[in-house]
Amino acid sequence: MASLDTYLHIIAVEMLAILAVVQRLSEDKPLKRVFSTAFLALLGFMLAHFATHLLPAKIASFIYSSHHEYHSIKPSGLHQS
């Protein structure tokens, strides 16, 4: 069974498609602007959500894989007994 996050992604993509079609079919300028704003807002939320999934893992991977000196430095001033 797919996770709730997957279902939310599918719903958001469907909403983007619906907003794009309705915006194209609309003839009224103010209504077209409303649909365009809603489309851009939803797209922005989707991109931000994608970034929160992707970026933390990429940043951590970069830090821990390419900077080996962070793993090899041992504090010299601390003595454990």
PDB file of N, CA and C in Angstrom:
ATOM      1  N   MET A   1       0.835  -1.173   0.000  1.00  0.00           N
ATOM      2  CA  MET A   1       0.000   0.000   0.000  1.00  0.00           C
ATOM      3  C   MET A   1       0.885   1.243   0.000  1.00  0.00           C
ATOM      4  N   ALA A   2       0.515   2.208  -0.768  1.00  0.00           N
ATOM      5  CA  ALA A   2       1.281   3.447  -0.868  1.00  0.00           C
ATOM      6  C   ALA A   2       1.074   4.298   0.383  1.00  0.00           C
ATOM      7  N   SER A   3       2.045   5.164   0.644  1.00  0.00           N
ATOM      8  CA  SER A   3       1.955   6.008   1.825  1.00  0.00           C
ATOM      9  C   SER A   3       1.029   7.198   1.586  1.00  0.00           C
ATOM     10  N   LEU A   4       0.676   7.860   2.655  1.00  0.00           N
ATOM     11  CA  LEU A   4      -0.173   9.042   2.575  1.00  0.00           C
ATOM     12  C   LEU A   4       0.507  10.127   1.756  1.00  0.00           C
ATOM     13  N   ASP A   5       1.826  10.233   1.885  1.00  0.00           N
ATOM     14  CA  ASP A   5       2.587  11.236   1.134  1.00  0.00           C
ATOM     15  C   ASP A   5       2.446  11.009  -0.368  1.00  0.00           C
ATOM     16  N   THR A   6       2.458   9.765  -0.796  1.00  0.00           N
ATOM     17  CA  THR A   6       2.292   9.452  -2.215  1.00  0.00           C
ATOM     18  C   THR A   6       0.912   9.865  -2.708  1.00  0.00           C
ATOM     19  N   TYR A   7      -0.106   9.584  -1.913  1.00  0.00           N
ATOM     20  CA  TYR A   7      -1.467   9.986  -2.292  1.00  0.00           C
ATOM     21  C   TYR A   7      -1.589  11.503  -2.394  1.00  0.00           C
ATOM     22  N   LEU A   8      -0.962  12.216  -1.468  1.00  0.00           N
ATOM     23  CA  LEU A   8      -1.005  13.674  -1.517  1.00  0.00           C
ATOM     24  C   LEU A   8      -0.292  14.213  -2.756  1.00  0.00           C
ATOM     25  N   HIS A   9       0.806  13.568  -3.148  1.00  0.00           N
ATOM     26  CA  HIS A   9       1.500  13.973  -4.378  1.00  0.00           C
ATOM     27  C   HIS A   9       0.601  13.776  -5.596  1.00  0.00           C
ATOM     28  N   ILE A  10      -0.068  12.658  -5.651  1.00  0.00           N
ATOM     29  CA  ILE A  10      -0.955  12.367  -6.783  1.00  0.00           C
ATOM     30  C   ILE A  10      -2.096  13.378  -6.840  1.00  0.00           C
ATOM     31  N   ILE A  11      -2.698  13.674  -5.684  1.00  0.00           N
ATOM     32  CA  ILE A  11      -3.794  14.642  -5.636  1.00  0.00           C
ATOM     33  C   ILE A  11      -3.311  16.020  -6.071  1.00  0.00           C
ATOM     34  N   ALA A  12      -2.137  16.433  -5.616  1.00  0.00           N
ATOM     35  CA  ALA A  12      -1.612  17.755  -5.976  1.00  0.00           C
ATOM     36  C   ALA A  12      -1.320  17.841  -7.471  1.00  0.00           C
ATOM     37  N   VAL A  13      -0.782  16.791  -8.059  1.00  0.00           N
ATOM     38  CA  VAL A  13      -0.505  16.803  -9.498  1.00  0.00           C
ATOM     39  C   VAL A  13      -1.820  16.870 -10.279  1.00  0.00           C
ATOM     40  N   GLU A  14      -2.831  16.141  -9.829  1.00  0.00           N
ATOM     41  CA  GLU A  14      -4.142  16.211 -10.483  1.00  0.00           C
ATOM     42  C   GLU A  14      -4.741  17.606 -10.367  1.00  0.00           C
ATOM     43  N   MET A  15      -4.589  18.230  -9.196  1.00  0.00           N
ATOM     44  CA  MET A  15      -5.099  19.587  -9.020  1.00  0.00           C
ATOM     45  C   MET A  15      -4.373  20.572  -9.933  1.00  0.00           C
ATOM     46  N   LEU A  16      -3.071  20.392 -10.096  1.00  0.00           N
ATOM     47  CA  LEU A  16      -2.318  21.243 -11.024  1.00  0.00           C
ATOM     48  C   LEU A  16      -2.849  21.094 -12.450  1.00  0.00           C
ATOM     49  N   ALA A  17      -3.102  19.862 -12.853  1.00  0.00           N
ATOM     50  CA  ALA A  17      -3.616  19.620 -14.201  1.00  0.00           C
ATOM     51  C   ALA A  17      -5.001  20.252 -14.382  1.00  0.00           C
ATOM     52  N   ILE A  18      -5.854  20.096 -13.387  1.00  0.00           N
ATOM     53  CA  ILE A  18      -7.206  20.678 -13.462  1.00  0.00           C
ATOM     54  C   ILE A  18      -7.132  22.197 -13.533  1.00  0.00           C
ATOM     55  N   LEU A  19      -6.307  22.805 -12.683  1.00  0.00           N
ATOM     56  CA  LEU A  19      -6.172  24.261 -12.694  1.00  0.00           C
ATOM     57  C   LEU A  19      -5.631  24.761 -14.033  1.00  0.00           C
ATOM     58  N   ALA A  20      -4.691  24.034 -14.620  1.00  0.00           N
ATOM     59  CA  ALA A  20      -4.137  24.443 -15.913  1.00  0.00           C
ATOM     60  C   ALA A  20      -5.205  24.399 -17.000  1.00  0.00           C
ATOM     61  N   VAL A  21      -6.018  23.339 -17.004  1.00  0.00           N
ATOM     62  CA  VAL A  21      -7.066  23.209 -18.023  1.00  0.00           C
ATOM     63  C   VAL A  21      -8.138  24.272 -17.826  1.00  0.00           C
ATOM     64  N   VAL A  22      -8.571  24.470 -16.586  1.00  0.00           N
ATOM     65  CA  VAL A  22      -9.628  25.446 -16.315  1.00  0.00           C
ATOM     66  C   VAL A  22      -9.144  26.855 -16.634  1.00  0.00           C
ATOM     67  N   GLN A  23      -7.881  27.126 -16.341  1.00  0.00           N
ATOM     68  CA  GLN A  23      -7.338  28.450 -16.661  1.00  0.00           C
ATOM     69  C   GLN A  23      -7.356  28.690 -18.159  1.00  0.00           C
ATOM     70  N   ARG A  24      -7.007  27.696 -18.944  1.00  0.00           N
ATOM     71  CA  ARG A  24      -7.010  27.834 -20.409  1.00  0.00           C
ATOM     72  C   ARG A  24      -8.420  28.028 -20.960  1.00  0.00           C
ATOM     73  N   LEU A  25      -9.394  27.376 -20.338  1.00  0.00           N
ATOM     74  CA  LEU A  25     -10.770  27.456 -20.830  1.00  0.00           C
ATOM     75  C   LEU A  25     -11.498  28.724 -20.374  1.00  0.00           C
ATOM     76  N   SER A  26     -10.973  29.361 -19.345  1.00  0.00           N
ATOM     77  CA  SER A  26     -11.633  30.556 -18.808  1.00  0.00           C
ATOM     78  C   SER A  26     -11.413  31.748 -19.733  1.00  0.00           C
ATOM     79  N   GLU A  27     -12.473  32.515 -19.922  1.00  0.00           N
ATOM     80  CA  GLU A  27     -12.399  33.698 -20.782  1.00  0.00           C
ATOM     81  C   GLU A  27     -12.332  34.985 -19.961  1.00  0.00           C
ATOM     82  N   ASP A  28     -12.746  34.927 -18.710  1.00  0.00           N
ATOM     83  CA  ASP A  28     -12.789  36.098 -17.847  1.00  0.00           C
ATOM     84  C   ASP A  28     -11.393  36.380 -17.282  1.00  0.00           C
ATOM     85  N   LYS A  29     -10.876  37.597 -17.485  1.00  0.00           N
ATOM     86  CA  LYS A  29      -9.517  37.944 -17.058  1.00  0.00           C
ATOM     87  C   LYS A  29      -9.308  37.827 -15.545  1.00  0.00           C
ATOM     88  N   PRO A  30     -10.201  38.372 -14.704  1.00  0.00           N
ATOM     89  CA  PRO A  30      -9.974  38.230 -13.254  1.00  0.00           C
ATOM     90  C   PRO A  30     -10.016  36.770 -12.799  1.00  0.00           C
ATOM     91  N   LEU A  31     -10.919  36.000 -13.377  1.00  0.00           N
ATOM     92  CA  LEU A  31     -11.007  34.588 -13.018  1.00  0.00           C
ATOM     93  C   LEU A  31      -9.767  33.834 -13.479  1.00  0.00           C
ATOM     94  N   LYS A  32      -9.258  34.192 -14.636  1.00  0.00           N
ATOM     95  CA  LYS A  32      -8.032  33.587 -15.151  1.00  0.00           C
ATOM     96  C   LYS A  32      -6.857  33.886 -14.215  1.00  0.00           C
ATOM     97  N   ARG A  33      -6.832  35.103 -13.682  1.00  0.00           N
ATOM     98  CA  ARG A  33      -5.774  35.498 -12.753  1.00  0.00           C
ATOM     99  C   ARG A  33      -5.862  34.695 -11.452  1.00  0.00           C
ATOM    100  N   VAL A  34      -7.078  34.439 -10.986  1.00  0.00           N
ATOM    101  CA  VAL A  34      -7.283  33.641  -9.769  1.00  0.00           C
ATOM    102  C   VAL A  34      -6.767  32.226  -9.982  1.00  0.00           C
ATOM    103  N   PHE A  35      -7.120  31.627 -11.116  1.00  0.00           N
ATOM    104  CA  PHE A  35      -6.654  30.267 -11.405  1.00  0.00           C
ATOM    105  C   PHE A  35      -5.141  30.230 -11.566  1.00  0.00           C
ATOM    106  N   SER A  36      -4.582  31.248 -12.175  1.00  0.00           N
ATOM    107  CA  SER A  36      -3.138  31.312 -12.350  1.00  0.00           C
ATOM    108  C   SER A  36      -2.426  31.432 -11.001  1.00  0.00           C
ATOM    109  N   THR A  37      -2.967  32.262 -10.131  1.00  0.00           N
ATOM    110  CA  THR A  37      -2.380  32.426  -8.795  1.00  0.00           C
ATOM    111  C   THR A  37      -2.480  31.131  -7.994  1.00  0.00           C
ATOM    112  N   ALA A  38      -3.617  30.471  -8.067  1.00  0.00           N
ATOM    113  CA  ALA A  38      -3.794  29.195  -7.364  1.00  0.00           C
ATOM    114  C   ALA A  38      -2.827  28.144  -7.919  1.00  0.00           C
ATOM    115  N   PHE A  39      -2.666  28.112  -9.233  1.00  0.00           N
ATOM    116  CA  PHE A  39      -1.738  27.174  -9.860  1.00  0.00           C
ATOM    117  C   PHE A  39      -0.313  27.417  -9.377  1.00  0.00           C
ATOM    118  N   LEU A  40       0.116  28.676  -9.380  1.00  0.00           N
ATOM    119  CA  LEU A  40       1.480  29.001  -8.956  1.00  0.00           C
ATOM    120  C   LEU A  40       1.688  28.746  -7.469  1.00  0.00           C
ATOM    121  N   ALA A  41       0.670  29.008  -6.659  1.00  0.00           N
ATOM    122  CA  ALA A  41       0.781  28.737  -5.225  1.00  0.00           C
ATOM    123  C   ALA A  41       0.922  27.239  -4.963  1.00  0.00           C
ATOM    124  N   LEU A  42       0.096  26.443  -5.613  1.00  0.00           N
ATOM    125  CA  LEU A  42       0.170  24.991  -5.444  1.00  0.00           C
ATOM    126  C   LEU A  42       1.497  24.453  -5.971  1.00  0.00           C
ATOM    127  N   LEU A  43       1.951  24.957  -7.094  1.00  0.00           N
ATOM    128  CA  LEU A  43       3.243  24.533  -7.635  1.00  0.00           C
ATOM    129  C   LEU A  43       4.376  24.912  -6.679  1.00  0.00           C
ATOM    130  N   GLY A  44       4.288  26.096  -6.091  1.00  0.00           N
ATOM    131  CA  GLY A  44       5.296  26.512  -5.118  1.00  0.00           C
ATOM    132  C   GLY A  44       5.330  25.615  -3.896  1.00  0.00           C
ATOM    133  N   PHE A  45       4.150  25.251  -3.393  1.00  0.00           N
ATOM    134  CA  PHE A  45       4.097  24.330  -2.258  1.00  0.00           C
ATOM    135  C   PHE A  45       4.663  22.961  -2.626  1.00  0.00           C
ATOM    136  N   MET A  46       4.362  22.503  -3.835  1.00  0.00           N
ATOM    137  CA  MET A  46       4.896  21.206  -4.275  1.00  0.00           C
ATOM    138  C   MET A  46       6.420  21.240  -4.379  1.00  0.00           C
ATOM    139  N   LEU A  47       6.972  22.321  -4.927  1.00  0.00           N
ATOM    140  CA  LEU A  47       8.423  22.436  -5.038  1.00  0.00           C
ATOM    141  C   LEU A  47       9.082  22.547  -3.669  1.00  0.00           C
ATOM    142  N   ALA A  48       8.467  23.278  -2.760  1.00  0.00           N
ATOM    143  CA  ALA A  48       8.998  23.380  -1.401  1.00  0.00           C
ATOM    144  C   ALA A  48       8.949  22.024  -0.705  1.00  0.00           C
ATOM    145  N   HIS A  49       7.874  21.293  -0.910  1.00  0.00           N
ATOM    146  CA  HIS A  49       7.747  19.954  -0.325  1.00  0.00           C
ATOM    147  C   HIS A  49       8.806  19.015  -0.902  1.00  0.00           C
ATOM    148  N   PHE A  50       9.018  19.099  -2.199  1.00  0.00           N
ATOM    149  CA  PHE A  50      10.042  18.289  -2.839  1.00  0.00           C
ATOM    150  C   PHE A  50      11.432  18.632  -2.289  1.00  0.00           C
ATOM    151  N   ALA A  51      11.685  19.921  -2.092  1.00  0.00           N
ATOM    152  CA  ALA A  51      12.982  20.355  -1.565  1.00  0.00           C
ATOM    153  C   ALA A  51      13.196  19.848  -0.147  1.00  0.00           C
ATOM    154  N   THR A  52      12.141  19.801   0.657  1.00  0.00           N
ATOM    155  CA  THR A  52      12.305  19.298   2.023  1.00  0.00           C
ATOM    156  C   THR A  52      12.568  17.798   2.045  1.00  0.00           C
ATOM    157  N   HIS A  53      12.148  17.096   1.016  1.00  0.00           N
ATOM    158  CA  HIS A  53      12.467  15.675   0.922  1.00  0.00           C
ATOM    159  C   HIS A  53      13.881  15.448   0.407  1.00  0.00           C
ATOM    160  N   LEU A  54      14.289  16.232  -0.557  1.00  0.00           N
ATOM    161  CA  LEU A  54      15.530  15.981  -1.267  1.00  0.00           C
ATOM    162  C   LEU A  54      16.746  16.631  -0.629  1.00  0.00           C
ATOM    163  N   LEU A  55      16.647  17.895  -0.289  1.00  0.00           N
ATOM    164  CA  LEU A  55      17.822  18.641   0.134  1.00  0.00           C
ATOM    165  C   LEU A  55      18.488  18.163   1.420  1.00  0.00           C
ATOM    166  N   PRO A  56      17.765  17.839   2.492  1.00  0.00           N
ATOM    167  CA  PRO A  56      18.469  17.406   3.700  1.00  0.00           C
ATOM    168  C   PRO A  56      19.349  16.184   3.471  1.00  0.00           C
ATOM    169  N   ALA A  57      18.871  15.234   2.705  1.00  0.00           N
ATOM    170  CA  ALA A  57      19.674  14.045   2.427  1.00  0.00           C
ATOM    171  C   ALA A  57      20.883  14.389   1.565  1.00  0.00           C
ATOM    172  N   LYS A  58      20.716  15.262   0.584  1.00  0.00           N
ATOM    173  CA  LYS A  58      21.825  15.646  -0.288  1.00  0.00           C
ATOM    174  C   LYS A  58      22.877  16.431   0.478  1.00  0.00           C
ATOM    175  N   ILE A  59      22.451  17.351   1.337  1.00  0.00           N
ATOM    176  CA  ILE A  59      23.404  18.150   2.108  1.00  0.00           C
ATOM    177  C   ILE A  59      24.162  17.265   3.086  1.00  0.00           C
ATOM    178  N   ALA A  60      23.466  16.392   3.790  1.00  0.00           N
ATOM    179  CA  ALA A  60      24.123  15.488   4.729  1.00  0.00           C
ATOM    180  C   ALA A  60      25.072  14.543   3.995  1.00  0.00           C
ATOM    181  N   SER A  61      24.653  14.058   2.859  1.00  0.00           N
ATOM    182  CA  SER A  61      25.512  13.176   2.059  1.00  0.00           C
ATOM    183  C   SER A  61      26.779  13.900   1.626  1.00  0.00           C
ATOM    184  N   PHE A  62      26.644  15.149   1.227  1.00  0.00           N
ATOM    185  CA  PHE A  62      27.802  15.929   0.816  1.00  0.00           C
ATOM    186  C   PHE A  62      28.763  16.140   1.985  1.00  0.00           C
ATOM    187  N   ILE A  63      28.233  16.523   3.119  1.00  0.00           N
ATOM    188  CA  ILE A  63      29.082  16.818   4.273  1.00  0.00           C
ATOM    189  C   ILE A  63      29.805  15.567   4.742  1.00  0.00           C
ATOM    190  N   TYR A  64      29.082  14.481   4.888  1.00  0.00           N
ATOM    191  CA  TYR A  64      29.690  13.286   5.467  1.00  0.00           C
ATOM    192  C   TYR A  64      30.500  12.471   4.478  1.00  0.00           C
ATOM    193  N   SER A  65      30.308  12.645   3.199  1.00  0.00           N
ATOM    194  CA  SER A  65      31.077  11.843   2.250  1.00  0.00           C
ATOM    195  C   SER A  65      32.297  12.568   1.714  1.00  0.00           C
ATOM    196  N   SER A  66      32.241  13.886   1.604  1.00  0.00           N
ATOM    197  CA  SER A  66      33.355  14.581   0.969  1.00  0.00           C
ATOM    198  C   SER A  66      34.292  15.258   1.951  1.00  0.00           C
ATOM    199  N   HIS A  67      33.944  15.346   3.195  1.00  0.00           N
ATOM    200  CA  HIS A  67      34.799  15.996   4.185  1.00  0.00           C
ATOM    201  C   HIS A  67      35.191  14.984   5.253  1.00  0.00           C
ATOM    202  N   HIS A  68      36.163  14.158   4.924  1.00  0.00           N
ATOM    203  CA  HIS A  68      36.574  13.094   5.832  1.00  0.00           C
ATOM    204  C   HIS A  68      37.271  13.642   7.069  1.00  0.00           C
ATOM    205  N   GLU A  69      37.754  14.869   6.989  1.00  0.00           N
ATOM    206  CA  GLU A  69      38.423  15.441   8.153  1.00  0.00           C
ATOM    207  C   GLU A  69      37.463  15.640   9.325  1.00  0.00           C
ATOM    208  N   TYR A  70      36.190  15.741   9.067  1.00  0.00           N
ATOM    209  CA  TYR A  70      35.232  15.850  10.166  1.00  0.00           C
ATOM    210  C   TYR A  70      35.159  14.553  10.960  1.00  0.00           C
ATOM    211  N   HIS A  71      35.419  13.443  10.318  1.00  0.00           N
ATOM    212  CA  HIS A  71      35.375  12.156  11.003  1.00  0.00           C
ATOM    213  C   HIS A  71      36.686  11.845  11.704  1.00  0.00           C
ATOM    214  N   SER A  72      37.796  12.353  11.183  1.00  0.00           N
ATOM    215  CA  SER A  72      39.089  11.957  11.711  1.00  0.00           C
ATOM    216  C   SER A  72      39.616  12.880  12.808  1.00  0.00           C
ATOM    217  N   ILE A  73      39.031  14.054  12.982  1.00  0.00           N
ATOM    218  CA  ILE A  73      39.506  14.971  14.014  1.00  0.00           C
ATOM    219  C   ILE A  73      39.002  14.507  15.366  1.00  0.00           C
ATOM    220  N   LYS A  74      39.933  14.327  16.287  1.00  0.00           N
ATOM    221  CA  LYS A  74      39.574  13.963  17.635  1.00  0.00           C
ATOM    222  C   LYS A  74      39.979  15.127  18.535  1.00  0.00           C
ATOM    223  N   PRO A  75      39.122  15.529  19.433  1.00  0.00           N
ATOM    224  CA  PRO A  75      39.483  16.643  20.297  1.00  0.00           C
ATOM    225  C   PRO A  75      40.674  16.294  21.170  1.00  0.00           C
ATOM    226  N   SER A  76      41.737  17.125  21.134  1.00  0.00           N
ATOM    227  CA  SER A  76      42.956  16.824  21.864  1.00  0.00           C
ATOM    228  C   SER A  76      42.896  17.300  23.301  1.00  0.00           C
ATOM    229  N   GLY A  77      42.033  18.237  23.614  1.00  0.00           N
ATOM    230  CA  GLY A  77      41.965  18.783  24.964  1.00  0.00           C
ATOM    231  C   GLY A  77      41.158  17.946  25.941  1.00  0.00           C
ATOM    232  N   LEU A  78      40.403  16.989  25.452  1.00  0.00           N
ATOM    233  CA  LEU A  78      39.562  16.176  26.323  1.00  0.00           C
ATOM    234  C   LEU A  78      40.248  14.861  26.630  1.00  0.00           C
ATOM    235  N   HIS A  79      40.305  14.531  27.882  1.00  0.00           N
ATOM    236  CA  HIS A  79      40.888  13.251  28.308  1.00  0.00           C
ATOM    237  C   HIS A  79      39.820  12.477  29.057  1.00  0.00           C
ATOM    238  N   GLN A  80      39.575  11.280  28.580  1.00  0.00           N
ATOM    239  CA  GLN A  80      38.587  10.456  29.264  1.00  0.00           C
ATOM    240  C   GLN A  80      39.287   9.539  30.238  1.00  0.00           C
ATOM    241  N   SER A  81      38.669   9.346  31.402  1.00  0.00           N
ATOM    242  CA  SER A  81      39.299   8.488  32.389  1.00  0.00           C
ATOM    243  C   SER A  81      38.529   7.217  32.589  1.00  0.00           C
TER     244      SER A  81
END
